C-alpha atoms as a PDB file:
ATOM      1  CA  UNK A   1     206.242  64.724-161.365  1.00  0.00           C
ATOM      2  CA  UNK A   2     205.384  63.667-157.863  1.00  0.00           C
ATOM      3  CA  UNK A   3     205.056  66.449-155.167  1.00  0.00           C
ATOM      4  CA  UNK A   4     205.828  66.174-151.472  1.00  0.00           C
ATOM      5  CA  UNK A   5     205.152  68.453-148.582  1.00  0.00           C
ATOM      6  CA  UNK A   6     207.599  68.255-145.633  1.00  0.00           C
ATOM      7  CA  UNK A   7     206.587  69.964-142.332  1.00  0.00           C
ATOM      8  CA  UNK A   8     209.408  69.925-139.805  1.00  0.00           C
ATOM      9  CA  UNK A   9     210.051  71.839-136.595  1.00  0.00           C
ATOM     10  CA  UNK A  10     213.219  73.491-137.478  1.00  0.00           C
ATOM     11  CA  UNK A  11     215.365  74.338-140.690  1.00  0.00           C
ATOM     12  CA  UNK A  12     218.046  71.634-140.048  1.00  0.00           C
ATOM     13  CA  UNK A  13     215.638  68.672-139.680  1.00  0.00           C
ATOM     14  CA  UNK A  14     213.427  70.148-142.507  1.00  0.00           C
ATOM     15  CA  UNK A  15     216.482  70.340-144.859  1.00  0.00           C
ATOM     16  CA  UNK A  16     217.562  66.779-143.917  1.00  0.00           C
ATOM     17  CA  UNK A  17     214.011  65.269-144.478  1.00  0.00           C
ATOM     18  CA  UNK A  18     213.479  67.317-147.614  1.00  0.00           C
ATOM     19  CA  UNK A  19     216.711  66.202-149.219  1.00  0.00           C
ATOM     20  CA  UNK A  20     215.931  62.583-148.253  1.00  0.00           C
ATOM     21  CA  UNK A  21     212.453  62.894-149.890  1.00  0.00           C
ATOM     22  CA  UNK A  22     213.943  64.689-152.938  1.00  0.00           C
ATOM     23  CA  UNK A  23     216.375  61.780-153.430  1.00  0.00           C
ATOM     24  CA  UNK A  24     213.424  59.511-153.797  1.00  0.00           C
ATOM     25  CA  UNK A  25     212.230  61.491-156.747  1.00  0.00           C
ATOM     26  CA  UNK A  26     209.757  64.021-155.305  1.00  0.00           C
ATOM     27  CA  UNK A  27     209.646  67.730-155.851  1.00  0.00           C
ATOM     28  CA  UNK A  28     209.597  69.017-152.120  1.00  0.00           C
ATOM     29  CA  UNK A  29     207.931  71.900-150.601  1.00  0.00           C
ATOM     30  CA  UNK A  30     209.517  72.378-147.173  1.00  0.00           C
ATOM     31  CA  UNK A  31     207.502  74.334-144.509  1.00  0.00           C
ATOM     32  CA  UNK A  32     208.123  75.177-140.820  1.00  0.00           C
ATOM     33  CA  UNK A  33     204.532  75.960-139.490  1.00  0.00           C
ATOM     34  CA  UNK A  34     201.217  74.056-139.647  1.00  0.00           C
ATOM     35  CA  UNK A  35     199.419  77.183-141.254  1.00  0.00           C
ATOM     36  CA  UNK A  36     201.939  77.295-144.071  1.00  0.00           C
ATOM     37  CA  UNK A  37     201.606  73.527-144.608  1.00  0.00           C
ATOM     38  CA  UNK A  38     197.809  73.978-144.812  1.00  0.00           C
ATOM     39  CA  UNK A  39     198.209  76.940-147.120  1.00  0.00           C
ATOM     40  CA  UNK A  40     200.584  74.864-149.418  1.00  0.00           C
ATOM     41  CA  UNK A  41     198.148  72.004-149.416  1.00  0.00           C
ATOM     42  CA  UNK A  42     195.371  74.258-150.636  1.00  0.00           C
ATOM     43  CA  UNK A  43     197.489  75.229-153.612  1.00  0.00           C
ATOM     44  CA  UNK A  44     199.110  71.930-154.621  1.00  0.00           C
ATOM     45  CA  UNK A  45     197.842  68.402-154.835  1.00  0.00           C
ATOM     46  CA  UNK A  46     200.564  66.366-152.937  1.00  0.00           C
ATOM     47  CA  UNK A  47     201.360  62.765-153.384  1.00  0.00           C
ATOM     48  CA  UNK A  48     203.378  62.517-150.154  1.00  0.00           C
ATOM     49  CA  UNK A  49     202.981  64.485-146.921  1.00  0.00           C
ATOM     50  CA  UNK A  50     205.539  64.134-144.041  1.00  0.00           C
ATOM     51  CA  UNK A  51     204.597  65.988-140.871  1.00  0.00           C
ATOM     52  CA  UNK A  52     206.003  66.134-137.339  1.00  0.00           C
ATOM     53  CA  UNK A  53     202.782  67.631-135.841  1.00  0.00           C
ATOM     54  CA  UNK A  54     199.146  66.682-135.923  1.00  0.00           C
ATOM     55  CA  UNK A  55     197.687  69.833-134.563  1.00  0.00           C
ATOM     56  CA  UNK A  56     197.228  73.527-135.602  1.00  0.00           C
ATOM     57  CA  UNK A  57     198.011  75.885-132.604  1.00  0.00           C
ATOM     58  CA  UNK A  58     194.881  77.909-131.766  1.00  0.00           C
ATOM     59  CA  UNK A  59     192.636  75.894-134.056  1.00  0.00           C
ATOM     60  CA  UNK A  60     190.174  73.052-133.266  1.00  0.00           C
ATOM     61  CA  UNK A  61     190.780  71.315-136.575  1.00  0.00           C
ATOM     62  CA  UNK A  62     193.225  68.431-136.927  1.00  0.00           C
ATOM     63  CA  UNK A  63     196.235  69.345-139.162  1.00  0.00           C
ATOM     64  CA  UNK A  64     196.605  65.805-140.432  1.00  0.00           C
ATOM     65  CA  UNK A  65     192.848  65.601-141.219  1.00  0.00           C
ATOM     66  CA  UNK A  66     192.861  68.929-143.065  1.00  0.00           C
ATOM     67  CA  UNK A  67     195.893  67.984-145.035  1.00  0.00           C
ATOM     68  CA  UNK A  68     194.291  64.636-146.031  1.00  0.00           C
ATOM     69  CA  UNK A  69     191.189  66.562-147.053  1.00  0.00           C
ATOM     70  CA  UNK A  70     193.158  68.898-149.370  1.00  0.00           C
ATOM     71  CA  UNK A  71     195.142  65.973-150.933  1.00  0.00           C
ATOM     72  CA  UNK A  72     192.882  62.916-150.506  1.00  0.00           C
ATOM     73  CA  UNK A  73     195.286  60.636-152.614  1.00  0.00           C
ATOM     74  CA  UNK A  74     198.404  61.638-150.675  1.00  0.00           C
ATOM     75  CA  UNK A  75     200.387  59.207-148.470  1.00  0.00           C
ATOM     76  CA  UNK A  76     200.426  60.871-144.974  1.00  0.00           C
ATOM     77  CA  UNK A  77     203.415  60.075-142.936  1.00  0.00           C
ATOM     78  CA  UNK A  78     203.667  61.236-139.197  1.00  0.00           C
ATOM     79  CA  UNK A  79     207.205  61.589-137.758  1.00  0.00           C
ATOM     80  CA  UNK A  80     207.264  61.098-133.972  1.00  0.00           C
ATOM     81  CA  UNK A  81     210.162  61.851-131.650  1.00  0.00           C
ATOM     82  CA  UNK A  82     211.672  58.808-129.892  1.00  0.00           C
ATOM     83  CA  UNK A  83     211.131  60.346-126.380  1.00  0.00           C
ATOM     84  CA  UNK A  84     207.493  61.378-126.871  1.00  0.00           C
ATOM     85  CA  UNK A  85     204.979  58.815-127.659  1.00  0.00           C
ATOM     86  CA  UNK A  86     201.885  59.590-129.843  1.00  0.00           C
ATOM     87  CA  UNK A  87     198.355  58.770-129.007  1.00  0.00           C
ATOM     88  CA  UNK A  88     196.048  57.489-131.810  1.00  0.00           C
ATOM     89  CA  UNK A  89     193.370  59.835-130.473  1.00  0.00           C
ATOM     90  CA  UNK A  90     195.576  62.777-131.559  1.00  0.00           C
ATOM     91  CA  UNK A  91     196.279  61.534-135.134  1.00  0.00           C
ATOM     92  CA  UNK A  92     193.680  61.422-137.977  1.00  0.00           C
ATOM     93  CA  UNK A  93     194.131  60.179-141.415  1.00  0.00           C
ATOM     94  CA  UNK A  94     197.711  59.099-141.064  1.00  0.00           C
ATOM     95  CA  UNK A  95     198.970  56.172-143.186  1.00  0.00           C
ATOM     96  CA  UNK A  96     202.107  55.445-141.240  1.00  0.00           C
ATOM     97  CA  UNK A  97     203.901  56.630-138.123  1.00  0.00           C
ATOM     98  CA  UNK A  98     207.724  56.501-138.292  1.00  0.00           C
ATOM     99  CA  UNK A  99     210.275  57.361-135.608  1.00  0.00           C
ATOM    100  CA  UNK A 100     212.913  60.063-135.720  1.00  0.00           C
ATOM    101  CA  UNK A 101     215.571  60.141-137.216  1.00  0.00           C
ATOM    102  CA  UNK A 102     213.914  59.689-140.650  1.00  0.00           C
ATOM    103  CA  UNK A 103     215.762  57.130-142.742  1.00  0.00           C
ATOM    104  CA  UNK A 104     215.180  55.991-146.298  1.00  0.00           C
ATOM    105  CA  UNK A 105     214.175  52.478-145.279  1.00  0.00           C
ATOM    106  CA  UNK A 106     211.312  53.547-143.013  1.00  0.00           C
ATOM    107  CA  UNK A 107     210.048  56.261-145.414  1.00  0.00           C
ATOM    108  CA  UNK A 108     210.183  53.843-148.338  1.00  0.00           C
ATOM    109  CA  UNK A 109     208.239  51.345-146.351  1.00  0.00           C
ATOM    110  CA  UNK A 110     205.589  53.981-145.567  1.00  0.00           C
ATOM    111  CA  UNK A 111     205.315  54.965-149.101  1.00  0.00           C
ATOM    112  CA  UNK A 112     205.044  51.383-150.286  1.00  0.00           C
ATOM    113  CA  UNK A 113     202.377  50.895-147.696  1.00  0.00           C
ATOM    114  CA  UNK A 114     200.334  53.800-148.963  1.00  0.00           C
ATOM    115  CA  UNK A 115     200.825  52.967-152.656  1.00  0.00           C
ATOM    116  CA  UNK A 116     199.462  49.449-152.075  1.00  0.00           C
ATOM    117  CA  UNK A 117     196.362  51.242-150.583  1.00  0.00           C
ATOM    118  CA  UNK A 118     196.445  49.033-147.522  1.00  0.00           C
ATOM    119  CA  UNK A 119     194.259  50.208-144.728  1.00  0.00           C
ATOM    120  CA  UNK A 120     195.954  52.764-142.405  1.00  0.00           C
ATOM    121  CA  UNK A 121     197.935  51.233-139.551  1.00  0.00           C
ATOM    122  CA  UNK A 122     196.003  53.431-137.071  1.00  0.00           C
ATOM    123  CA  UNK A 123     192.279  53.239-136.647  1.00  0.00           C
ATOM    124  CA  UNK A 124     190.570  56.291-137.959  1.00  0.00           C
ATOM    125  CA  UNK A 125     189.332  58.733-135.251  1.00  0.00           C
ATOM    126  CA  UNK A 126     185.678  58.099-136.060  1.00  0.00           C
ATOM    127  CA  UNK A 127     186.133  54.372-135.238  1.00  0.00           C
ATOM    128  CA  UNK A 128     187.839  54.955-131.949  1.00  0.00           C
ATOM    129  CA  UNK A 129     185.545  57.522-130.246  1.00  0.00           C
ATOM    130  CA  UNK A 130     182.593  59.719-130.906  1.00  0.00           C
ATOM    131  CA  UNK A 131     183.464  63.351-131.002  1.00  0.00           C
ATOM    132  CA  UNK A 132     180.012  64.693-130.773  1.00  0.00           C
ATOM    133  CA  UNK A 133     178.257  64.951-127.379  1.00  0.00           C
ATOM    134  CA  UNK A 134     174.578  64.722-126.726  1.00  0.00           C
ATOM    135  CA  UNK A 135     172.947  67.823-125.281  1.00  0.00           C
ATOM    136  CA  UNK A 136     171.877  67.233-121.616  1.00  0.00           C
ATOM    137  CA  UNK A 137     168.352  68.495-120.927  1.00  0.00           C
END
């Protein structure tokens, strides 16, 4: 059995995305908050993670980075809204970025991309910029 985690912003879009993922043969865990997604990722090794946010409110950690750490073999798909662009500085450990509305073709392409273990479409955060700062004397 394959397991999928779906984090969406509201119940309507979460149910739509979860039913789409379930139709692809995954057992879906739908959640509505980043903290619940992180808690679920600590309990279950997911094969697919679909998220609409890359941050945890009030936390310095990257949500996508933490989810990838909990399920290192998972395919991580970020769903972005059409009107809001996403910066590669904000996303860590994502295999594919797809636009809303989520459709089977885009999701299947993201899964195939992850299964083939091709390199991520976005550069990892550690390649794009150094997060640590040198202390100034």
